[in-house]
C-alpha atoms as a PDB file:
ATOM      1  CA  MET A   1      17.577 -28.888   2.596  1.00  0.00           C
ATOM      2  CA  PRO A   2      14.167 -26.284   1.489  1.00  0.00           C
ATOM      3  CA  HIS A   3      14.289 -22.796   1.643  1.00  0.00           C
ATOM      4  CA  ARG A   4      12.726 -21.671   4.961  1.00  0.00           C
ATOM      5  CA  ILE A   5      10.618 -18.435   4.380  1.00  0.00           C
ATOM      6  CA  ALA A   6       8.885 -16.450   6.317  1.00  0.00           C
ATOM      7  CA  LEU A   7       5.987 -14.651   5.143  1.00  0.00           C
ATOM      8  CA  VAL A   8       5.616 -11.607   7.752  1.00  0.00           C
ATOM      9  CA  SER A   9       2.653 -10.470   8.969  1.00  0.00           C
ATOM     10  CA  ALA A  10       1.527  -8.827  11.928  1.00  0.00           C
ATOM     11  CA  THR A  11      -0.665 -10.657  14.593  1.00  0.00           C
ATOM     12  CA  GLN A  12      -4.220  -9.096  13.803  1.00  0.00           C
ATOM     13  CA  ALA A  13      -3.813  -9.558  10.135  1.00  0.00           C
ATOM     14  CA  LEU A  14      -2.714 -13.416  10.577  1.00  0.00           C
ATOM     15  CA  ALA A  15      -6.757 -14.636  10.380  1.00  0.00           C
ATOM     16  CA  LEU A  16      -7.508 -11.882   8.141  1.00  0.00           C
ATOM     17  CA  ASP A  17      -4.900 -11.287   5.443  1.00  0.00           C
ATOM     18  CA  GLU A  18      -6.415 -13.866   2.256  1.00  0.00           C
ATOM     19  CA  ASP A  19      -3.030 -13.563   0.661  1.00  0.00           C
ATOM     20  CA  LEU A  20      -1.781 -15.766   2.994  1.00  0.00           C
ATOM     21  CA  ALA A  21      -2.728 -19.454   2.602  1.00  0.00           C
ATOM     22  CA  PRO A  22      -2.343 -19.820  -1.121  1.00  0.00           C
ATOM     23  CA  LEU A  23       0.550 -18.675  -1.541  1.00  0.00           C
ATOM     24  CA  ALA A  24       1.431 -20.656   1.532  1.00  0.00           C
ATOM     25  CA  ALA A  25       0.727 -23.548   0.013  1.00  0.00           C
ATOM     26  CA  ALA A  26       2.243 -22.475  -4.016  1.00  0.00           C
ATOM     27  CA  LEU A  27       5.348 -22.183  -2.435  1.00  0.00           C
ATOM     28  CA  ALA A  28       5.717 -24.974   0.011  1.00  0.00           C
ATOM     29  CA  ALA A  29       4.005 -27.467  -3.610  1.00  0.00           C
ATOM     30  CA  ARG A  30       7.342 -25.703  -4.603  1.00  0.00           C
ATOM     31  CA  GLY A  31       9.737 -26.740  -2.198  1.00  0.00           C
ATOM     32  CA  ALA A  32      10.350 -24.174   0.412  1.00  0.00           C
ATOM     33  CA  GLU A  33       9.634 -24.622   4.439  1.00  0.00           C
ATOM     34  CA  VAL A  34       6.766 -21.784   4.889  1.00  0.00           C
ATOM     35  CA  SER A  35       6.332 -19.695   8.116  1.00  0.00           C
ATOM     36  CA  ALA A  36       3.930 -16.784   8.537  1.00  0.00           C
ATOM     37  CA  VAL A  37       5.370 -14.917  11.407  1.00  0.00           C
ATOM     38  CA  PRO A  38       4.456 -11.304  12.973  1.00  0.00           C
ATOM     39  CA  TRP A  39       7.039  -8.670  12.397  1.00  0.00           C
ATOM     40  CA  ASP A  40       7.198  -8.336  16.313  1.00  0.00           C
ATOM     41  CA  ALA A  41       6.762 -11.810  17.664  1.00  0.00           C
ATOM     42  CA  PRO A  42       9.555 -11.870  20.352  1.00  0.00           C
ATOM     43  CA  ASP A  43      12.281 -14.287  20.393  1.00  0.00           C
ATOM     44  CA  ILE A  44      12.984 -14.485  16.006  1.00  0.00           C
ATOM     45  CA  ASP A  45      15.689 -16.249  14.364  1.00  0.00           C
ATOM     46  CA  TRP A  46      15.504 -14.259  11.422  1.00  0.00           C
ATOM     47  CA  SER A  47      18.851 -15.621  10.118  1.00  0.00           C
ATOM     48  CA  SER A  48      17.183 -18.710  10.091  1.00  0.00           C
ATOM     49  CA  TYR A  49      15.397 -17.826   7.083  1.00  0.00           C
ATOM     50  CA  ARG A  50      16.734 -17.417   3.797  1.00  0.00           C
ATOM     51  CA  LEU A  51      13.223 -14.560   3.073  1.00  0.00           C
ATOM     52  CA  ALA A  52      11.523 -12.561   5.124  1.00  0.00           C
ATOM     53  CA  LEU A  53       8.886 -11.844   2.766  1.00  0.00           C
ATOM     54  CA  LEU A  54       7.020  -8.276   3.542  1.00  0.00           C
ATOM     55  CA  ARG A  55       3.107  -8.806   3.504  1.00  0.00           C
ATOM     56  CA  SER A  56       0.008  -7.491   6.071  1.00  0.00           C
ATOM     57  CA  THR A  57       2.589  -5.788   8.302  1.00  0.00           C
ATOM     58  CA  TRP A  58      -0.323  -3.703   8.334  1.00  0.00           C
ATOM     59  CA  ASP A  59      -0.028  -2.063  11.391  1.00  0.00           C
ATOM     60  CA  TYR A  60       3.160  -0.690  10.940  1.00  0.00           C
ATOM     61  CA  THR A  61       1.460   3.086  10.667  1.00  0.00           C
ATOM     62  CA  ASP A  62       0.723   3.501  14.093  1.00  0.00           C
ATOM     63  CA  ARG A  63       5.074   1.640  15.246  1.00  0.00           C
ATOM     64  CA  ILE A  64       6.533   3.229  11.891  1.00  0.00           C
ATOM     65  CA  GLY A  65       9.880   4.156  14.170  1.00  0.00           C
ATOM     66  CA  GLU A  66       9.800   0.210  15.674  1.00  0.00           C
ATOM     67  CA  PHE A  67       8.604  -1.154  12.504  1.00  0.00           C
ATOM     68  CA  LEU A  68      11.887   0.414  10.491  1.00  0.00           C
ATOM     69  CA  ALA A  69      14.121  -0.951  13.376  1.00  0.00           C
ATOM     70  CA  TRP A  70      13.375  -3.816  12.832  1.00  0.00           C
ATOM     71  CA  CYS A  71      13.328  -3.972   8.496  1.00  0.00           C
ATOM     72  CA  GLU A  72      16.845  -2.658   9.575  1.00  0.00           C
ATOM     73  CA  ARG A  73      17.435  -5.601  11.865  1.00  0.00           C
ATOM     74  CA  ALA A  74      16.056  -8.113   9.088  1.00  0.00           C
ATOM     75  CA  ASP A  75      17.592  -7.019   6.417  1.00  0.00           C
ATOM     76  CA  ALA A  76      21.345  -7.319   8.812  1.00  0.00           C
ATOM     77  CA  ALA A  77      19.928 -10.967   8.894  1.00  0.00           C
ATOM     78  CA  THR A  78      18.270 -12.422   6.008  1.00  0.00           C
ATOM     79  CA  THR A  79      16.871 -11.093   2.771  1.00  0.00           C
ATOM     80  CA  LEU A  80      14.580  -8.179   3.324  1.00  0.00           C
ATOM     81  CA  LEU A  81      11.964  -8.140   0.637  1.00  0.00           C
ATOM     82  CA  ASN A  82      10.796  -6.022  -0.832  1.00  0.00           C
ATOM     83  CA  PRO A  83      14.545  -4.712   0.044  1.00  0.00           C
ATOM     84  CA  LEU A  84      14.854  -1.504   2.701  1.00  0.00           C
ATOM     85  CA  PRO A  85      15.265   1.072   1.128  1.00  0.00           C
ATOM     86  CA  VAL A  86      12.406   0.735  -0.884  1.00  0.00           C
ATOM     87  CA  VAL A  87      10.662  -0.145   2.353  1.00  0.00           C
ATOM     88  CA  ARG A  88      11.411   3.540   3.673  1.00  0.00           C
ATOM     89  CA  TRP A  89      10.694   5.868   0.648  1.00  0.00           C
ATOM     90  CA  ASN A  90       7.636   3.562   0.317  1.00  0.00           C
ATOM     91  CA  THR A  91       5.557   3.785   3.897  1.00  0.00           C
ATOM     92  CA  ASP A  92       5.504   8.132   3.875  1.00  0.00           C
ATOM     93  CA  LYS A  93       3.207   8.980   0.798  1.00  0.00           C
ATOM     94  CA  HIS A  94       5.125  12.266   0.186  1.00  0.00           C
ATOM     95  CA  TYR A  95       6.497   9.826  -1.974  1.00  0.00           C
ATOM     96  CA  LEU A  96       3.849  10.964  -4.334  1.00  0.00           C
ATOM     97  CA  ALA A  97       5.015  13.960  -4.960  1.00  0.00           C
ATOM     98  CA  ALA A  98       8.402  12.315  -6.411  1.00  0.00           C
ATOM     99  CA  LEU A  99       6.126  11.145  -8.728  1.00  0.00           C
ATOM    100  CA  ALA A 100       4.778  13.926  -9.589  1.00  0.00           C
ATOM    101  CA  GLU A 101       7.892  15.184 -10.175  1.00  0.00           C
ATOM    102  CA  ALA A 102       9.063  12.651 -12.365  1.00  0.00           C
ATOM    103  CA  GLY A 103       6.367  13.871 -14.297  1.00  0.00           C
ATOM    104  CA  VAL A 104       3.411  11.088 -12.973  1.00  0.00           C
ATOM    105  CA  ASP A 105       0.096  11.521 -13.126  1.00  0.00           C
ATOM    106  CA  VAL A 106      -0.480  11.393  -9.713  1.00  0.00           C
ATOM    107  CA  VAL A 107      -3.566  12.885  -8.071  1.00  0.00           C
ATOM    108  CA  PRO A 108      -2.911  15.955  -6.840  1.00  0.00           C
ATOM    109  CA  GLY A 109      -2.800  16.702  -3.246  1.00  0.00           C
ATOM    110  CA  VAL A 110      -0.882  19.449  -0.307  1.00  0.00           C
ATOM    111  CA  PHE A 111       0.600  18.008   2.679  1.00  0.00           C
ATOM    112  CA  LEU A 112       0.958  19.842   5.706  1.00  0.00           C
ATOM    113  CA  GLU A 113       3.179  19.107   8.721  1.00  0.00           C
ATOM    114  CA  PRO A 114       3.861  19.450  11.333  1.00  0.00           C
ATOM    115  CA  GLY A 115       3.961  23.776  13.286  1.00  0.00           C
ATOM    116  CA  ASP A 116       1.657  23.718   9.783  1.00  0.00           C
ATOM    117  CA  SER A 117      -1.220  25.498  10.588  1.00  0.00           C
ATOM    118  CA  PRO A 118      -3.982  23.921   9.617  1.00  0.00           C
ATOM    119  CA  GLU A 119      -6.257  26.324   8.282  1.00  0.00           C
ATOM    120  CA  ARG A 120      -2.896  25.909   5.226  1.00  0.00           C
ATOM    121  CA  MET A 121      -5.769  23.339   4.167  1.00  0.00           C
ATOM    122  CA  PRO A 122      -6.813  24.302   0.302  1.00  0.00           C
ATOM    123  CA  ASP A 123     -10.404  24.911  -0.130  1.00  0.00           C
ATOM    124  CA  TYR A 124     -11.588  21.989  -2.710  1.00  0.00           C
ATOM    125  CA  HIS A 125     -14.998  21.592  -2.367  1.00  0.00           C
ATOM    126  CA  GLU A 126     -15.062  17.883  -1.871  1.00  0.00           C
ATOM    127  CA  PHE A 127     -11.646  16.521  -0.430  1.00  0.00           C
ATOM    128  CA  VAL A 128     -10.540  14.169   1.694  1.00  0.00           C
ATOM    129  CA  VAL A 129      -7.547  14.423   4.711  1.00  0.00           C
ATOM    130  CA  LYS A 130      -5.736  11.067   5.631  1.00  0.00           C
ATOM    131  CA  PRO A 131      -1.902  11.017   7.113  1.00  0.00           C
ATOM    132  CA  ALA A 132       1.439  10.901   5.077  1.00  0.00           C
ATOM    133  CA  ILE A 133       1.903   7.340   7.173  1.00  0.00           C
ATOM    134  CA  GLY A 134      -0.810   5.762   6.634  1.00  0.00           C
ATOM    135  CA  ALA A 135      -2.922   2.248   5.119  1.00  0.00           C
ATOM    136  CA  GLY A 136      -5.746   0.736   4.780  1.00  0.00           C
ATOM    137  CA  SER A 137      -8.161   4.165   4.761  1.00  0.00           C
ATOM    138  CA  ARG A 138      -7.292   4.274   8.297  1.00  0.00           C
ATOM    139  CA  ASP A 139      -7.115   7.482   9.857  1.00  0.00           C
ATOM    140  CA  ALA A 140      -8.657   9.048   5.974  1.00  0.00           C
ATOM    141  CA  GLN A 141     -12.452  11.050   6.234  1.00  0.00           C
ATOM    142  CA  ARG A 142     -14.295  11.885   3.468  1.00  0.00           C
ATOM    143  CA  TYR A 143     -15.103  15.885   2.796  1.00  0.00           C
ATOM    144  CA  VAL A 144     -17.322  18.593   1.294  1.00  0.00           C
ATOM    145  CA  SER A 145     -16.224  22.492   1.896  1.00  0.00           C
ATOM    146  CA  GLY A 146     -19.461  22.788   4.463  1.00  0.00           C
ATOM    147  CA  GLU A 147     -17.121  20.323   6.319  1.00  0.00           C
ATOM    148  CA  ARG A 148     -14.344  22.445   6.726  1.00  0.00           C
ATOM    149  CA  ALA A 149     -14.125  23.114  10.452  1.00  0.00           C
ATOM    150  CA  ALA A 150     -14.127  19.235  11.159  1.00  0.00           C
ATOM    151  CA  ALA A 151     -11.687  18.296   8.512  1.00  0.00           C
ATOM    152  CA  LEU A 152      -9.379  21.365  10.240  1.00  0.00           C
ATOM    153  CA  GLY A 153     -10.229  19.125  13.853  1.00  0.00           C
ATOM    154  CA  HIS A 154      -8.505  16.136  12.051  1.00  0.00           C
ATOM    155  CA  ALA A 155      -6.141  17.732  10.944  1.00  0.00           C
ATOM    156  CA  ARG A 156      -4.881  19.037  14.156  1.00  0.00           C
ATOM    157  CA  ARG A 157      -4.949  15.801  15.415  1.00  0.00           C
ATOM    158  CA  LEU A 158      -3.335  14.373  13.278  1.00  0.00           C
ATOM    159  CA  LEU A 159      -0.243  17.271  13.378  1.00  0.00           C
ATOM    160  CA  ASP A 160      -0.513  17.484  17.746  1.00  0.00           C
ATOM    161  CA  GLN A 161       0.570  13.644  17.130  1.00  0.00           C
ATOM    162  CA  GLY A 162       3.578  14.867  15.032  1.00  0.00           C
ATOM    163  CA  ARG A 163       2.033  12.907  11.509  1.00  0.00           C
ATOM    164  CA  SER A 164       2.036  14.956   8.901  1.00  0.00           C
ATOM    165  CA  VAL A 165      -0.985  15.321   6.624  1.00  0.00           C
ATOM    166  CA  LEU A 166      -1.882  14.661   2.793  1.00  0.00           C
ATOM    167  CA  VAL A 167      -5.667  16.950   1.865  1.00  0.00           C
ATOM    168  CA  GLN A 168      -6.784  15.337  -1.530  1.00  0.00           C
ATOM    169  CA  PRO A 169      -9.552  16.581  -3.705  1.00  0.00           C
ATOM    170  CA  TYR A 170     -11.626  14.221  -3.814  1.00  0.00           C
ATOM    171  CA  LEU A 171     -12.313  12.815  -7.473  1.00  0.00           C
ATOM    172  CA  ASP A 172     -16.176  11.705  -7.674  1.00  0.00           C
ATOM    173  CA  SER A 173     -15.278   9.379 -10.570  1.00  0.00           C
ATOM    174  CA  VAL A 174     -14.773   6.496  -8.089  1.00  0.00           C
ATOM    175  CA  ASP A 175     -18.300   6.550  -6.744  1.00  0.00           C
ATOM    176  CA  THR A 176     -18.902   5.030 -10.079  1.00  0.00           C
ATOM    177  CA  HIS A 177     -15.595   3.832 -11.497  1.00  0.00           C
ATOM    178  CA  GLY A 178     -14.179   2.787  -8.136  1.00  0.00           C
ATOM    179  CA  GLU A 179     -10.359   1.714  -8.287  1.00  0.00           C
ATOM    180  CA  THR A 180      -8.369   0.170 -10.445  1.00  0.00           C
ATOM    181  CA  ALA A 181      -5.376  -2.166  -8.745  1.00  0.00           C
ATOM    182  CA  LEU A 182      -2.611  -3.450 -10.825  1.00  0.00           C
ATOM    183  CA  MET A 183      -0.325  -6.070  -9.617  1.00  0.00           C
ATOM    184  CA  PHE A 184       3.061  -6.188 -10.907  1.00  0.00           C
ATOM    185  CA  PHE A 185       5.409  -9.053 -10.251  1.00  0.00           C
ATOM    186  CA  ASN A 186       9.452  -8.636 -10.810  1.00  0.00           C
ATOM    187  CA  GLY A 187       7.929  -5.709 -13.279  1.00  0.00           C
ATOM    188  CA  ARG A 188       5.188  -7.116 -15.349  1.00  0.00           C
ATOM    189  CA  TYR A 189       2.158  -6.829 -15.165  1.00  0.00           C
ATOM    190  CA  SER A 190      -0.223 -10.252 -13.507  1.00  0.00           C
ATOM    191  CA  HIS A 191      -3.728  -8.933 -13.217  1.00  0.00           C
ATOM    192  CA  ALA A 192      -5.891  -6.340 -11.197  1.00  0.00           C
ATOM    193  CA  ILE A 193      -9.023  -5.880  -9.665  1.00  0.00           C
ATOM    194  CA  ARG A 194     -11.621  -3.170  -9.206  1.00  0.00           C
ATOM    195  CA  LYS A 195     -12.339  -1.913  -6.118  1.00  0.00           C
ATOM    196  CA  GLY A 196     -15.544   0.463  -5.287  1.00  0.00           C
ATOM    197  CA  PRO A 197     -15.090   3.621  -3.442  1.00  0.00           C
ATOM    198  CA  LEU A 198     -13.768   2.967   0.180  1.00  0.00           C
ATOM    199  CA  LEU A 199     -14.364   6.483   1.383  1.00  0.00           C
ATOM    200  CA  ARG A 200     -18.484   7.788   2.345  1.00  0.00           C
ATOM    201  CA  ARG A 201     -19.226  11.224   2.976  1.00  0.00           C
ATOM    202  CA  GLY A 202     -20.499  11.149   6.877  1.00  0.00           C
ATOM    203  CA  GLU A 203     -18.729   8.024   7.955  1.00  0.00           C
ATOM    204  CA  GLY A 204     -15.705   8.990  10.049  1.00  0.00           C
ATOM    205  CA  PRO A 205     -12.510   7.193  10.074  1.00  0.00           C
ATOM    206  CA  THR A 206     -12.320   3.327   9.696  1.00  0.00           C
ATOM    207  CA  GLN A 207     -11.152   1.664  13.614  1.00  0.00           C
ATOM    208  CA  GLY A 208     -10.060  -1.896  11.950  1.00  0.00           C
ATOM    209  CA  LEU A 209      -6.320  -2.594  10.522  1.00  0.00           C
ATOM    210  CA  PHE A 210      -8.376  -1.513   6.912  1.00  0.00           C
ATOM    211  CA  ALA A 211     -12.067  -0.648   5.817  1.00  0.00           C
ATOM    212  CA  PRO A 212     -13.964  -3.746   3.850  1.00  0.00           C
ATOM    213  CA  GLU A 213     -13.737  -3.340   0.163  1.00  0.00           C
ATOM    214  CA  ARG A 214     -16.308  -4.281  -2.592  1.00  0.00           C
ATOM    215  CA  ILE A 215     -13.857  -5.808  -5.071  1.00  0.00           C
ATOM    216  CA  THR A 216     -14.245  -7.841  -8.416  1.00  0.00           C
ATOM    217  CA  PRO A 217     -11.876  -8.889 -11.168  1.00  0.00           C
ATOM    218  CA  ARG A 218     -11.433  -6.187 -13.775  1.00  0.00           C
ATOM    219  CA  GLU A 219      -9.256  -5.660 -16.537  1.00  0.00           C
ATOM    220  CA  PRO A 220      -7.078  -2.579 -16.783  1.00  0.00           C
ATOM    221  CA  SER A 221      -7.484  -0.245 -19.936  1.00  0.00           C
ATOM    222  CA  ALA A 222      -4.446   0.274 -22.246  1.00  0.00           C
ATOM    223  CA  ALA A 223      -4.194   3.783 -20.474  1.00  0.00           C
ATOM    224  CA  GLU A 224      -4.214   2.549 -17.225  1.00  0.00           C
ATOM    225  CA  ARG A 225      -1.795  -0.085 -18.011  1.00  0.00           C
ATOM    226  CA  ALA A 226       0.228   2.557 -19.806  1.00  0.00           C
ATOM    227  CA  LEU A 227       0.221   4.968 -16.417  1.00  0.00           C
ATOM    228  CA  ALA A 228       0.724   1.865 -13.756  1.00  0.00           C
ATOM    229  CA  GLU A 229       3.686   1.208 -16.448  1.00  0.00           C
ATOM    230  CA  ARG A 230       5.127   4.726 -15.620  1.00  0.00           C
ATOM    231  CA  THR A 231       4.819   4.899 -12.432  1.00  0.00           C
ATOM    232  CA  LEU A 232       7.293   1.842 -12.122  1.00  0.00           C
ATOM    233  CA  ALA A 233       9.645   3.084 -14.546  1.00  0.00           C
ATOM    234  CA  ALA A 234       9.517   6.379 -11.722  1.00  0.00           C
ATOM    235  CA  ILE A 235      10.718   4.342  -8.729  1.00  0.00           C
ATOM    236  CA  PRO A 236      14.564   5.875  -7.679  1.00  0.00           C
ATOM    237  CA  PHE A 237      15.181   2.150  -6.599  1.00  0.00           C
ATOM    238  CA  ALA A 238      17.148  -0.485  -8.846  1.00  0.00           C
ATOM    239  CA  GLY A 239      14.244  -2.628 -10.010  1.00  0.00           C
ATOM    240  CA  PRO A 240      12.515  -4.832 -10.717  1.00  0.00           C
ATOM    241  CA  GLN A 241      10.440  -4.548  -7.097  1.00  0.00           C
ATOM    242  CA  LEU A 242       9.795  -8.619  -6.701  1.00  0.00           C
ATOM    243  CA  TYR A 243       6.626  -6.599  -6.580  1.00  0.00           C
ATOM    244  CA  ALA A 244       4.158  -3.441  -6.859  1.00  0.00           C
ATOM    245  CA  ARG A 245       0.332  -2.348  -6.433  1.00  0.00           C
ATOM    246  CA  VAL A 246      -0.473   0.555  -8.629  1.00  0.00           C
ATOM    247  CA  ASP A 247      -4.401   1.846  -7.818  1.00  0.00           C
ATOM    248  CA  LEU A 248      -5.694   3.633  -9.622  1.00  0.00           C
ATOM    249  CA  ILE A 249      -8.847   6.015  -9.645  1.00  0.00           C
ATOM    250  CA  HIS A 250      -9.963   8.985 -12.853  1.00  0.00           C
ATOM    251  CA  ASP A 251     -10.207  11.935 -12.673  1.00  0.00           C
ATOM    252  CA  GLY A 252     -13.084  13.986 -13.657  1.00  0.00           C
ATOM    253  CA  GLY A 253     -11.372  14.035 -17.889  1.00  0.00           C
ATOM    254  CA  GLY A 254     -11.794   9.803 -17.218  1.00  0.00           C
ATOM    255  CA  ARG A 255      -7.866   9.753 -17.567  1.00  0.00           C
ATOM    256  CA  PRO A 256      -6.709   7.731 -14.302  1.00  0.00           C
ATOM    257  CA  ARG A 257      -3.887   8.534 -11.812  1.00  0.00           C
ATOM    258  CA  VAL A 258      -1.884   6.870  -9.750  1.00  0.00           C
ATOM    259  CA  LEU A 259      -3.639   7.327  -5.746  1.00  0.00           C
ATOM    260  CA  GLU A 260      -1.481   4.988  -4.264  1.00  0.00           C
ATOM    261  CA  LEU A 261       1.476   2.833  -5.253  1.00  0.00           C
ATOM    262  CA  GLU A 262       2.501   0.228  -2.758  1.00  0.00           C
ATOM    263  CA  LEU A 263       5.611  -1.293  -1.975  1.00  0.00           C
ATOM    264  CA  VAL A 264       5.522  -2.855   0.939  1.00  0.00           C
ATOM    265  CA  GLU A 265       2.864  -4.684   2.334  1.00  0.00           C
ATOM    266  CA  PRO A 266      -0.134  -4.173  -0.249  1.00  0.00           C
ATOM    267  CA  SER A 267      -2.915  -7.298  -0.892  1.00  0.00           C
ATOM    268  CA  LEU A 268      -2.211  -8.558  -4.415  1.00  0.00           C
ATOM    269  CA  PHE A 269      -6.078 -10.513  -4.427  1.00  0.00           C
ATOM    270  CA  PHE A 270      -4.859 -13.840  -5.028  1.00  0.00           C
ATOM    271  CA  THR A 271      -8.164 -15.224  -4.725  1.00  0.00           C
ATOM    272  CA  TYR A 272      -9.252 -13.103  -8.222  1.00  0.00           C
ATOM    273  CA  ALA A 273      -6.526 -14.064 -10.727  1.00  0.00           C
ATOM    274  CA  GLU A 274      -6.618 -17.996 -10.989  1.00  0.00           C
ATOM    275  CA  GLY A 275      -2.297 -19.474 -11.004  1.00  0.00           C
ATOM    276  CA  THR A 276      -1.895 -16.254  -9.424  1.00  0.00           C
ATOM    277  CA  ALA A 277      -0.622 -16.894  -6.117  1.00  0.00           C
ATOM    278  CA  GLU A 278       1.664 -20.343  -8.424  1.00  0.00           C
ATOM    279  CA  ARG A 279       3.364 -17.750 -10.200  1.00  0.00           C
ATOM    280  CA  PHE A 280       4.319 -14.895  -7.583  1.00  0.00           C
ATOM    281  CA  ALA A 281       5.453 -17.852  -5.755  1.00  0.00           C
ATOM    282  CA  GLY A 282       8.347 -19.348  -9.177  1.00  0.00           C
ATOM    283  CA  GLU A 283       9.098 -15.379  -8.332  1.00  0.00           C
ATOM    284  CA  VAL A 284      10.158 -15.272  -5.338  1.00  0.00           C
ATOM    285  CA  LEU A 285      11.928 -18.703  -5.332  1.00  0.00           C
ATOM    286  CA  GLY A 286      14.055 -17.262  -8.996  1.00  0.00           C
ATOM    287  CA  ARG A 287      15.433 -14.695  -6.137  1.00  0.00           C
ATOM    288  CA  LEU A 288      16.969 -16.410  -4.199  1.00  0.00           C
END
């Protein structure tokens, strides 16, 4: 009897997630019965699946309580990957502070909490304001010091909604070098891509599920590989995780810094590296 696997997405993301089709085909070629299912679809018997694989649940940021409650139910009914404790930890960017405490070179930043005054915002020359629970650059915006009033208003709106805010300096090397995203399957490096800069001055936060991205394959440097591996080693849970993506940018001295560690719903960019969907499918079935 074939293994039934749910590729867990969001209703709006089913037509947008370019990873779903190649992964479903690779799993089906290995004998699995695969369905792409929105996490909030009604009347789904999650216990009928051997595995609920989180993929493109990109709308969770506006419904974090509901999403985590669903994760708990799914975890009780089947195998949820990545696991529930990892999901709880990684959906909130406070994990970056934990990585920094563990000695990982992250992009520095300051958190503002509900009840704080936005005036606590540091006086960076150029900076980004984003929610601590957010994905796909939604509600994130880039400012310069002369736009502090607008930035304070942005932070105040998020704080008034009960959301924590992360303020980070904008490292302008991203405008030329872009981001490097390194994919790992079961703790082993698979492939990497380059993302062009996402946040442009004067542009408001994206209104879609994610900001449009300009993607090309990239071979990471030795320093980028080493930092990504140190980042995975600092995850405070037993590992390795089935999938992980480490997003890096460079500081003014040319050193890589961790911008994001993605363990919940990252795109894995199978179409930019031949054979990666098939390799990942093998790792997924190995967990069964």
